[in-house]
Amino acid sequence: MIGVAQGILLARYELPGPDAAFTLLREGSQRHNLPLRVLASAVVTAPPPQSGTRWFTARSAHLPPPTPGSCADTASTHTTGARSSPPRCTRR
């Protein structure tokens, strides 16, 4: 089931490879405190978004999550320019 979910994420979001899809699943599982197999099952059973329509109409639009491995530094800054927190992502 996890492999099928990886394939769906690869195709749907044009991820660079299966490792990126697994990282996305693993991080989502940890962030939302869900077993990985439950999240994978939800990915497999959820209908794909239709072209030209919003997938979740009641939610406001947000930027897509960063692709694993691209680690954009998005730490917020105060008016003085000092960082309020360290970057959330590190390169390996």
Protein backbone atom coordinates (compact mmCIF):
# COMPACT_ATOMS: atom_id res chain seq x y z
CA MET A 1 0.00 0.00 0.00
CA ILE A 2 2.85 2.40 0.81
CA GLY A 3 4.49 1.73 -2.57
CA VAL A 4 1.22 2.44 -4.37
CA ALA A 5 0.85 5.73 -2.45
CA GLN A 6 4.43 6.65 -3.41
CA GLY A 7 3.60 6.06 -7.07
CA ILE A 8 0.48 8.21 -6.84
CA LEU A 9 2.40 11.06 -5.22
CA LEU A 10 5.16 10.77 -7.82
CA ALA A 11 2.70 11.05 -10.68
CA ARG A 12 0.32 13.58 -9.15
CA TYR A 13 2.91 16.06 -7.85
CA GLU A 14 5.82 15.34 -10.24
CA LEU A 15 8.23 14.53 -7.42
CA PRO A 16 11.85 13.77 -8.33
CA GLY A 17 11.77 10.14 -7.18
CA PRO A 18 10.36 7.49 -4.84
CA ASP A 19 12.56 8.67 -1.95
CA ALA A 20 10.96 12.12 -2.12
CA ALA A 21 7.48 10.55 -2.11
CA PHE A 22 8.36 8.38 0.90
CA THR A 23 9.80 11.40 2.73
CA LEU A 24 6.58 13.30 2.08
CA LEU A 25 4.52 10.39 3.45
CA ARG A 26 6.80 9.94 6.47
CA GLU A 27 6.79 13.65 7.37
CA GLY A 28 3.01 13.88 6.96
CA SER A 29 2.59 10.80 9.12
CA GLN A 30 4.73 12.27 11.87
CA ARG A 31 3.27 15.78 11.63
CA HIS A 32 -0.32 14.54 11.94
CA ASN A 33 0.44 11.62 14.29
CA LEU A 34 -0.97 9.04 11.88
CA PRO A 35 0.45 5.61 11.17
CA LEU A 36 2.21 5.65 7.80
CA ARG A 37 -0.02 2.85 6.48
CA VAL A 38 -3.17 4.86 7.34
CA LEU A 39 -1.89 7.94 5.50
CA ALA A 40 -0.83 5.79 2.53
CA SER A 41 -4.30 4.24 2.44
CA ALA A 42 -5.89 7.71 2.43
CA VAL A 43 -3.67 8.78 -0.48
CA VAL A 44 -4.65 5.67 -2.45
CA THR A 45 -8.40 5.98 -1.80
CA ALA A 46 -8.74 9.79 -2.15
CA PRO A 47 -9.99 10.88 -5.56
CA PRO A 48 -7.50 12.87 -7.63
CA PRO A 49 -8.09 16.60 -7.99
CA GLN A 50 -9.97 17.57 -11.14
CA SER A 51 -8.28 19.98 -13.52
CA GLY A 52 -9.38 23.56 -13.09
CA THR A 53 -11.21 23.01 -9.80
CA ARG A 54 -10.16 23.46 -6.20
CA TRP A 55 -9.70 20.20 -4.34
CA PHE A 56 -10.91 21.49 -0.96
CA THR A 57 -13.30 24.32 -1.73
CA ALA A 58 -13.79 25.42 1.89
CA ARG A 59 -10.06 26.03 2.45
CA SER A 60 -8.03 29.04 1.44
CA ALA A 61 -5.23 28.58 -1.06
CA HIS A 62 -1.74 27.93 0.30
CA LEU A 63 1.61 27.48 -1.32
CA PRO A 64 2.50 23.82 -1.96
CA PRO A 65 4.84 22.19 0.55
CA PRO A 66 8.54 22.32 -0.29
CA THR A 67 9.84 19.34 -2.21
CA PRO A 68 12.02 17.19 0.05
CA GLY A 69 15.64 18.09 -0.58
CA SER A 70 14.97 21.67 -1.74
CA CYS A 71 15.11 23.18 1.78
CA ALA A 72 14.11 26.78 1.18
CA ASP A 73 14.98 28.96 4.15
CA THR A 74 11.58 30.30 5.21
CA ALA A 75 12.39 31.43 8.74
CA SER A 76 10.49 34.57 9.63
CA THR A 77 12.30 37.81 10.39
CA HIS A 78 11.45 40.72 12.65
CA THR A 79 11.60 44.33 11.52
CA THR A 80 15.21 44.43 12.73
CA GLY A 81 16.07 41.63 10.31
CA ALA A 82 16.95 39.14 13.05
CA ARG A 83 15.68 35.60 12.75
CA SER A 84 12.96 34.57 15.15
CA SER A 85 13.69 30.87 14.70
CA PRO A 86 16.26 28.67 12.98
CA PRO A 87 15.44 27.20 9.56
CA ARG A 88 13.08 24.20 9.80
CA CYS A 89 14.93 22.19 7.20
CA THR A 90 18.55 21.09 6.94
CA ARG A 91 20.44 19.60 4.02
CA ARG A 92 21.97 16.20 4.47
